Protein backbone atom coordinates (compact mmCIF):
# COMPACT_ATOMS: atom_id res chain seq x y z
CA MET A 1 10.03 103.89 -44.33
CA GLU A 2 12.00 106.99 -43.18
CA GLN A 3 14.52 105.84 -40.80
CA TYR A 4 14.66 107.84 -37.37
CA GLU A 5 17.36 110.04 -37.67
CA PRO A 6 16.78 113.20 -35.71
CA ASP A 7 19.52 115.77 -34.63
CA ARG A 8 17.26 116.96 -31.82
CA LEU A 9 15.96 114.44 -29.22
CA SER A 10 12.30 114.66 -27.89
CA PRO A 11 11.91 114.63 -24.14
CA ALA A 12 10.49 111.02 -24.43
CA GLN A 13 13.61 110.14 -26.57
CA VAL A 14 15.82 111.79 -23.95
CA ALA A 15 14.13 109.76 -21.10
CA ALA A 16 14.43 106.61 -23.07
CA VAL A 17 18.17 107.05 -23.41
CA ARG A 18 18.86 107.81 -19.79
CA ARG A 19 16.59 104.93 -18.86
CA SER A 20 18.64 102.68 -21.08
CA LEU A 21 21.93 104.02 -19.17
CA ARG A 22 20.41 103.46 -15.72
CA ASN A 23 18.84 100.00 -16.47
CA GLY A 24 19.46 98.90 -19.93
CA ARG A 25 22.40 96.96 -21.72
CA ALA A 26 24.50 99.98 -21.57
CA ALA A 27 24.44 99.89 -18.00
CA ILE A 28 26.13 96.67 -17.55
CA GLY A 29 29.43 95.43 -19.20
CA ARG A 30 29.28 93.06 -22.06
CA ARG A 31 31.20 90.07 -20.04
CA SER A 32 30.19 90.93 -16.56
CA LEU A 33 26.73 90.85 -14.73
CA LEU A 34 28.22 92.59 -11.59
CA ARG A 35 30.47 95.42 -13.36
CA ALA A 36 28.96 98.74 -13.07
CA GLY A 37 28.78 100.48 -16.52
CA ALA A 38 31.48 102.83 -17.45
CA GLY A 39 29.53 105.14 -19.76
CA GLY A 40 26.84 106.77 -17.81
CA ALA A 41 28.26 110.08 -17.27
CA LEU A 42 29.89 110.42 -20.40
CA ALA A 43 26.69 109.04 -22.59
CA ILE A 44 24.44 111.54 -20.68
CA GLY A 45 27.03 114.20 -22.01
CA GLY A 46 26.55 112.64 -25.38
CA LEU A 47 22.87 113.79 -25.35
CA GLY A 48 24.06 117.16 -26.09
CA ALA A 49 25.71 115.93 -29.03
CA LEU A 50 22.56 114.63 -30.24
CA SER A 51 20.55 117.47 -29.58
CA ALA A 52 22.93 120.18 -30.50
CA CYS A 53 22.10 122.23 -33.21
CA GLY A 54 25.56 123.47 -34.28
CA ILE A 55 26.14 120.45 -36.18
CA PRO A 56 23.79 119.76 -38.91
CA ALA A 57 22.53 116.31 -40.25
CA ALA A 58 24.28 116.20 -43.09
CA LYS A 59 23.55 113.15 -45.46
CA ASN A 60 25.57 111.43 -48.15
CA THR A 61 28.58 113.82 -47.53
CA SER A 62 30.73 114.23 -50.67
CA GLY A 63 34.02 112.06 -50.79
CA GLY A 64 32.94 109.34 -48.30
CA SER A 65 35.73 106.96 -49.30
CA SER A 66 39.12 108.30 -49.34
CA GLU A 67 42.48 106.97 -50.70
CA ASP A 68 43.07 103.15 -48.86
CA HIS A 69 46.30 103.10 -47.54
CA SER A 70 46.04 99.15 -46.63
CA ALA A 71 48.97 98.14 -48.84
CA LYS A 72 51.59 100.17 -47.34
CA GLU A 73 50.33 100.46 -43.90
CA LYS A 74 49.64 97.04 -42.40
CA GLU A 75 47.51 98.39 -39.54
CA VAL A 76 43.98 98.63 -38.55
CA ASP A 77 42.28 100.82 -36.05
CA PHE A 78 39.12 98.95 -34.32
CA SER A 79 36.78 100.53 -31.86
CA ASN A 80 34.70 97.97 -29.94
CA TRP A 81 32.63 97.73 -26.51
CA THR A 82 34.28 97.19 -23.59
CA GLU A 83 34.73 93.45 -22.51
CA TYR A 84 33.51 92.32 -26.08
CA MET A 85 36.80 90.74 -27.10
CA ASP A 86 38.45 87.28 -26.00
CA VAL A 87 41.35 87.71 -23.47
CA ASP A 88 44.13 85.62 -22.09
CA ASP A 89 44.75 84.54 -18.55
CA SER A 90 46.82 87.77 -18.21
CA GLY A 91 43.86 90.01 -19.25
CA LYS A 92 46.43 91.68 -21.30
CA ARG A 93 46.19 89.82 -24.90
CA HIS A 94 43.66 89.25 -26.94
CA PRO A 95 44.65 85.84 -28.50
CA SER A 96 42.11 85.98 -31.84
CA LEU A 97 43.67 89.41 -32.44
CA ASP A 98 47.15 88.24 -32.16
CA GLN A 99 46.43 85.36 -34.29
CA PHE A 100 45.18 87.64 -37.24
CA THR A 101 48.17 89.70 -36.99
CA ARG A 102 50.79 86.70 -37.33
CA ARG A 103 48.83 85.44 -40.21
CA THR A 104 48.22 88.60 -42.22
CA GLY A 105 51.08 91.08 -40.86
CA ILE A 106 48.38 93.60 -39.80
CA LYS A 107 48.66 94.90 -36.62
CA VAL A 108 45.45 95.81 -34.69
CA ALA A 109 44.73 98.95 -32.70
CA TYR A 110 42.37 97.75 -30.72
CA THR A 111 40.48 100.06 -28.62
CA GLU A 112 37.68 99.60 -25.86
CA ASP A 113 36.24 102.96 -26.34
CA ILE A 114 32.29 102.37 -26.67
CA ASN A 115 30.34 102.53 -23.55
CA ASP A 116 27.24 103.55 -24.80
CA ASN A 117 25.76 104.16 -28.69
CA VAL A 118 24.61 107.59 -28.07
CA GLU A 119 27.81 108.81 -26.43
CA PHE A 120 29.77 107.12 -29.25
CA PHE A 121 27.71 108.91 -31.62
CA GLY A 122 28.36 112.21 -29.95
CA LYS A 123 32.08 111.38 -30.43
CA ILE A 124 32.45 110.41 -33.95
CA LYS A 125 29.63 112.65 -35.35
CA PRO A 126 31.74 115.95 -35.64
CA GLN A 127 34.07 114.28 -37.84
CA LEU A 128 31.68 112.42 -39.86
CA ALA A 129 29.74 115.28 -40.34
CA ALA A 130 32.64 117.57 -41.46
CA GLY A 131 33.76 114.65 -43.90
CA GLN A 132 36.81 114.02 -41.89
CA ASP A 133 38.60 110.59 -40.64
CA THR A 134 37.52 109.87 -37.47
CA GLY A 135 40.59 107.77 -36.57
CA ARG A 136 39.05 104.61 -36.64
CA ASP A 137 38.87 101.97 -39.25
CA LEU A 138 36.31 99.82 -37.83
CA ILE A 139 33.51 100.25 -35.35
CA CYS A 140 30.87 98.13 -33.90
CA VAL A 141 27.49 99.62 -33.00
CA THR A 142 23.88 98.56 -32.17
CA ASP A 143 21.13 98.18 -35.10
CA TRP A 144 19.49 101.59 -34.69
CA LEU A 145 22.74 103.39 -34.92
CA ALA A 146 24.16 101.17 -37.81
CA ALA A 147 20.95 102.16 -39.63
CA ARG A 148 21.57 105.97 -38.72
CA LEU A 149 25.08 105.87 -40.07
CA ILE A 150 24.13 104.38 -43.22
CA ARG A 151 21.16 106.41 -43.99
CA PHE A 152 23.40 109.47 -43.24
CA GLY A 153 25.93 107.97 -45.81
CA TRP A 154 28.64 108.36 -43.24
CA VAL A 155 29.92 104.69 -43.66
CA GLN A 156 31.53 103.04 -46.76
CA LYS A 157 29.92 100.37 -48.72
CA LEU A 158 31.93 96.93 -48.15
CA ASP A 159 33.81 95.50 -51.08
CA ALA A 160 32.42 91.75 -51.12
CA SER A 161 35.54 90.24 -52.84
CA ASN A 162 37.37 90.95 -49.57
CA LEU A 163 34.63 89.15 -47.43
CA PRO A 164 34.47 85.51 -48.86
CA HIS A 165 34.05 83.93 -45.34
CA ALA A 166 31.50 86.76 -44.20
CA TYR A 167 29.44 86.26 -47.38
CA MET A 168 29.27 82.54 -47.29
CA ASN A 169 29.11 81.83 -43.36
CA LEU A 170 26.73 84.62 -42.27
CA ALA A 171 23.69 83.00 -40.58
CA GLN A 172 20.61 83.15 -42.52
CA GLN A 173 18.85 84.84 -39.76
CA PHE A 174 21.00 87.86 -39.64
CA ARG A 175 21.25 88.30 -43.50
CA GLY A 176 18.07 90.56 -44.39
CA PRO A 177 17.80 93.82 -42.08
CA ASP A 178 15.32 96.19 -43.32
CA TRP A 179 17.97 98.96 -42.66
CA ASP A 180 20.61 97.17 -44.66
CA PRO A 181 19.24 94.60 -47.31
CA GLY A 182 21.84 92.16 -48.42
CA ARG A 183 24.51 93.50 -45.78
CA ALA A 184 25.90 95.96 -48.27
CA TYR A 185 27.65 98.38 -45.23
CA SER A 186 27.54 96.12 -42.33
CA TYR A 187 28.34 92.51 -40.91
CA PRO A 188 27.16 91.22 -37.21
CA TRP A 189 29.72 91.28 -34.85
CA GLN A 190 27.30 89.29 -32.31
CA GLY A 191 23.54 88.85 -31.78
CA ILE A 192 21.26 89.66 -29.10
CA SER A 193 18.24 87.50 -28.23
CA THR A 194 15.44 88.59 -25.70
CA VAL A 195 14.02 85.40 -24.29
CA ILE A 196 11.75 84.31 -21.37
CA ALA A 197 13.98 83.51 -18.30
CA PHE A 198 12.29 82.00 -15.38
CA ASN A 199 13.45 80.44 -11.80
CA ARG A 200 12.03 76.87 -11.65
CA LYS A 201 11.96 77.10 -7.78
CA ALA A 202 10.23 80.45 -7.77
CA LEU A 203 7.30 79.05 -10.04
CA ASP A 204 6.74 76.17 -7.68
CA GLY A 205 5.03 73.79 -10.17
CA GLU A 206 3.60 76.84 -12.34
CA GLU A 207 4.53 76.66 -16.22
CA VAL A 208 5.52 79.55 -18.30
CA THR A 209 6.29 79.04 -22.03
CA SER A 210 4.69 82.46 -23.24
CA VAL A 211 3.99 85.89 -22.34
CA SER A 212 0.40 85.07 -22.11
CA ASP A 213 1.46 82.76 -18.98
CA MET A 214 3.38 85.61 -17.58
CA LEU A 215 0.35 88.38 -17.91
CA ASP A 216 -2.58 85.98 -17.26
CA ASN A 217 -1.57 83.60 -14.40
CA PRO A 218 -2.83 85.05 -11.09
CA LYS A 219 -0.49 82.83 -9.30
CA LEU A 220 2.35 85.15 -10.50
CA LYS A 221 1.09 88.08 -9.46
CA GLY A 222 3.83 90.64 -8.72
CA ARG A 223 6.48 88.31 -9.55
CA ILE A 224 6.80 88.98 -13.49
CA GLY A 225 9.23 91.43 -15.02
CA PHE A 226 9.60 93.05 -18.29
CA LEU A 227 12.53 94.92 -19.88
CA SER A 228 12.88 98.86 -19.91
CA GLU A 229 13.98 98.44 -23.58
CA MET A 230 11.06 99.15 -25.66
CA ARG A 231 11.67 97.24 -28.66
CA ASP A 232 12.31 94.10 -26.29
CA SER A 233 9.24 94.12 -24.39
CA ILE A 234 6.78 95.45 -26.95
CA GLY A 235 8.42 93.17 -29.58
CA MET A 236 7.61 89.88 -27.32
CA THR A 237 4.05 91.19 -26.66
CA LEU A 238 3.32 91.84 -30.07
CA LEU A 239 4.74 88.24 -31.11
CA ASP A 240 2.45 86.95 -28.31
CA MET A 241 -0.47 88.70 -29.98
CA GLY A 242 0.38 87.23 -33.44
CA LYS A 243 1.83 90.21 -34.82
CA ASP A 244 4.88 90.72 -36.90
CA PRO A 245 7.42 93.37 -34.68
CA ALA A 246 8.77 93.90 -38.46
CA LYS A 247 5.10 94.73 -39.75
CA PHE A 248 3.21 96.27 -37.02
CA THR A 249 1.10 98.99 -37.22
CA ASP A 250 0.30 102.18 -34.91
CA ASP A 251 -3.00 100.29 -33.91
CA ASP A 252 -0.82 97.06 -33.21
CA TYR A 253 1.48 99.02 -31.01
CA ASP A 254 -1.30 100.81 -28.93
CA ALA A 255 -2.97 97.19 -28.40
CA ALA A 256 0.33 95.85 -26.84
CA ILE A 257 0.62 98.98 -24.90
CA ALA A 258 -2.54 98.55 -23.43
CA ARG A 259 -2.11 94.61 -22.72
CA LEU A 260 0.61 95.73 -20.79
CA GLN A 261 -0.74 98.64 -19.13
CA LYS A 262 -3.60 96.43 -18.03
CA SER A 263 -1.04 93.85 -16.40
CA VAL A 264 0.54 96.88 -14.55
CA ASP A 265 -2.67 98.24 -13.12
CA GLN A 266 -3.54 94.79 -11.90
CA GLY A 267 0.05 94.25 -10.20
CA GLN A 268 0.88 91.35 -12.32
CA ILE A 269 3.98 92.88 -13.50
CA ARG A 270 6.43 93.79 -10.74
CA ARG A 271 8.58 96.32 -12.60
CA PHE A 272 10.39 97.20 -15.95
CA THR A 273 14.10 96.69 -15.69
CA GLY A 274 17.36 96.40 -17.17
CA ASN A 275 20.11 93.98 -16.35
CA ASP A 276 19.23 94.40 -12.58
CA TYR A 277 16.47 91.75 -13.11
CA THR A 278 19.31 89.26 -12.88
CA SER A 279 19.41 89.69 -8.94
CA ASP A 280 15.56 89.31 -8.52
CA LEU A 281 15.49 86.20 -10.87
CA THR A 282 18.60 84.67 -9.11
CA LYS A 283 16.81 85.04 -5.70
CA GLY A 284 13.25 84.11 -6.80
CA ASP A 285 11.82 87.47 -6.21
CA LEU A 286 10.93 87.37 -9.55
CA ALA A 287 9.31 83.93 -11.17
CA ALA A 288 9.88 84.97 -14.73
CA CYS A 289 10.80 87.76 -16.94
CA ILE A 290 11.56 88.96 -20.25
CA ALA A 291 15.42 88.71 -20.48
CA TRP A 292 18.62 88.67 -22.62
CA ALA A 293 20.12 85.62 -23.65
CA GLY A 294 23.78 86.68 -22.82
CA ASP A 295 22.80 87.18 -19.25
CA VAL A 296 20.86 83.67 -18.91
CA VAL A 297 23.83 81.93 -20.32
CA GLN A 298 25.90 83.29 -17.36
CA LEU A 299 22.95 82.84 -14.74
CA LYS A 300 22.37 79.24 -15.65
CA ALA A 301 26.03 78.44 -14.79
CA ASP A 302 25.68 79.80 -11.41
CA THR A 303 22.05 79.28 -10.56
CA PRO A 304 20.69 75.69 -11.45
CA ASP A 305 17.22 76.92 -10.90
CA VAL A 306 17.32 79.66 -13.71
CA ASP A 307 16.36 78.41 -17.24
CA PHE A 308 14.78 79.75 -20.47
CA VAL A 309 12.14 79.07 -22.85
CA ILE A 310 11.74 80.36 -26.25
CA PRO A 311 7.76 80.83 -26.87
CA ASP A 312 6.10 79.30 -29.87
CA SER A 313 5.34 82.87 -30.94
CA GLY A 314 8.86 83.60 -31.46
CA TYR A 315 11.71 85.91 -29.88
CA MET A 316 13.43 89.26 -30.43
CA THR A 317 16.64 89.68 -31.96
CA SER A 318 19.37 92.45 -32.61
CA THR A 319 22.70 92.83 -33.55
CA ASP A 320 25.87 94.90 -32.72
CA ASN A 321 27.56 95.45 -36.26
CA LEU A 322 30.66 95.99 -37.79
CA LEU A 323 31.01 99.25 -40.27
CA ILE A 324 33.89 101.16 -41.91
CA PRO A 325 33.42 105.01 -41.28
CA ASN A 326 33.80 107.37 -44.21
CA LYS A 327 37.59 108.43 -44.75
CA ALA A 328 38.87 105.47 -42.79
CA ARG A 329 42.53 104.92 -43.88
CA HIS A 330 42.69 101.26 -43.93
CA LYS A 331 39.45 99.97 -45.52
CA THR A 332 40.90 96.89 -47.17
CA ASN A 333 42.42 95.92 -43.78
CA ALA A 334 39.20 96.52 -42.04
CA GLU A 335 37.40 94.27 -44.38
CA ARG A 336 39.91 91.38 -43.93
CA LEU A 337 39.60 91.78 -40.22
CA ILE A 338 35.78 91.32 -40.83
CA ASP A 339 36.29 88.40 -42.81
CA TYR A 340 38.73 86.61 -40.15
CA TYR A 341 35.94 86.72 -37.73
CA TYR A 342 33.62 85.06 -40.05
CA GLU A 343 36.22 81.88 -40.19
CA PRO A 344 34.71 78.97 -37.69
CA LYS A 345 37.93 78.75 -35.70
CA PRO A 346 38.13 82.45 -34.78
CA ALA A 347 34.34 82.74 -34.39
CA ALA A 348 34.59 79.88 -31.98
CA GLU A 349 37.30 81.57 -29.86
CA LEU A 350 35.25 84.62 -29.54
CA ALA A 351 32.04 83.08 -28.76
CA ALA A 352 33.28 80.69 -26.10
CA TYR A 353 34.79 83.80 -24.13
CA ILE A 354 31.64 86.38 -24.71
CA ASN A 355 28.71 83.90 -24.89
CA TYR A 356 26.32 85.99 -26.89
CA VAL A 357 24.68 84.67 -30.17
CA CYS A 358 27.47 83.82 -32.96
CA PRO A 359 26.37 85.21 -36.19
CA VAL A 360 28.75 82.60 -38.12
CA ASP A 361 27.28 79.29 -39.67
CA GLY A 362 29.75 76.34 -39.24
CA VAL A 363 31.19 77.31 -36.13
CA LYS A 364 29.82 74.44 -33.63
CA ALA A 365 32.25 71.83 -34.41
CA GLU A 366 35.19 74.38 -33.66
CA LEU A 367 33.46 75.66 -30.54
CA ALA A 368 32.76 72.07 -29.38
CA LYS A 369 36.69 71.46 -28.99
CA ILE A 370 36.85 74.58 -26.82
CA ASP A 371 33.68 74.50 -24.82
CA PRO A 372 31.20 71.60 -25.61
CA ASP A 373 28.51 73.22 -23.36
CA ALA A 374 28.58 76.43 -25.29
CA ALA A 375 28.39 74.50 -28.48
CA ASN A 376 25.15 72.67 -27.50
CA ASN A 377 23.59 76.07 -25.92
CA PRO A 378 21.07 77.27 -28.52
CA LEU A 379 21.30 80.90 -26.81
CA ILE A 380 24.77 81.04 -28.05
CA ILE A 381 24.64 78.58 -31.37
CA PRO A 382 20.66 78.82 -32.47
CA ASP A 383 19.74 75.61 -34.06
CA ALA A 384 17.46 75.83 -37.10
CA ALA A 385 14.33 75.70 -35.03
CA MET A 386 15.47 78.51 -32.82
CA ALA A 387 16.56 80.62 -35.60
CA ALA A 388 13.18 80.20 -37.45
CA LYS A 389 11.39 81.82 -34.51
CA SER A 390 13.75 84.92 -34.59
CA HIS A 391 12.17 88.49 -35.18
CA ALA A 392 13.59 91.93 -35.77
CA PHE A 393 11.78 95.11 -34.56
CA ARG A 394 11.45 97.23 -37.55
CA SER A 395 12.65 100.44 -38.58
CA LEU A 396 11.08 103.69 -37.12
CA SER A 397 10.33 107.05 -38.53
CA GLN A 398 11.18 110.24 -36.21
CA LYS A 399 7.68 110.53 -35.80
CA GLU A 400 6.87 107.07 -34.84
CA GLU A 401 9.99 107.02 -32.39
CA THR A 402 8.64 110.11 -30.57
CA ALA A 403 5.21 108.82 -30.16
CA TYR A 404 6.01 105.26 -29.24
CA GLU A 405 8.63 106.26 -26.76
CA GLU A 406 6.22 108.64 -25.16
CA LYS A 407 3.51 105.75 -24.69
CA PHE A 408 6.27 103.32 -23.32
CA ALA A 409 7.48 105.97 -20.93
CA LYS A 410 4.04 106.43 -19.55
CA LEU A 411 3.79 102.78 -19.31
CA THR A 412 6.87 102.07 -17.22
CA GLY A 413 6.42 105.51 -15.24
CA ALA A 414 9.75 106.44 -16.53
């Protein structure tokens, strides 16, 4: 399957990016549901970087690797999303990073300069396309951008000998994405799960355990929400229809669109939304919706009526991923930092703070020492039964991406 990798975005793709910036995960910080995203204006500017014709879509640029200065320079430059790392009470220190430095002597220059995948790609693309150092040894990007960077040949293959904990402790459900078989170039930072959330009080005795329940129960008319992210909403619908999101056809996609369109036309679906569904859900304006698990964890803590369900048909997952750009000066140090976060104790410290899906096996016992509730929360530490129900959306060709986004934009009215 040809991986989607355009330099020019179609109008539908531009609309999808803008929709994501207004309403999607990019619009809300990784830790706070209430903090408005900082990436909107910058990310819109990043569209120009994707669509501009001045930089060719270089692939497999020569000399991806460069001299590794790790032995002489005990440092590593790590670019991450905002609010995606543990912090102390002062809000100034990152305890897990400090412990890494004390143990290894490697100083981490940690920068929260990723607000959105599109904007960040626009920021690093000129250097990568020119075969130059980005000034970063380690970056964290979502599946689709990780896939693009790998296909372009703009990131370095990882040295397994420097990643013993990562190799051993990576959870099975994250081991085999079609865009990086065997995790030769990337390791997950955190997982992102898409589930069904509901407000028990608003349901008023009605049961919601599946997408079919959401779409077919007339008592829930106008009180159902779906996400404005195509892969999440279509993926959950495909699963409910008995289709595999990793193997679906054009006809399957069209059938999912038609099913949702019928519910839109009938007024069953209130709206397609991003993180702002959280307010409607807590108030009871939405009885049930497709939701991101990281939101649900935080909502449950504040609103006891809010809960979630994993449909028997399964749920969607994606990951934010750690990669080493070409020409990075400190490749070995970056690999050591990746491996460090696959040790159970540092992984537990991180999971306890950010509340996303931990991709590290063996972390539960350590997390229980810090936060027993988190350790027993399947949205953070999926048990075997839940992990078995996880599904990932397959890679798309440029033609598919354009066609699918156009159809989804028409459905949502974007």
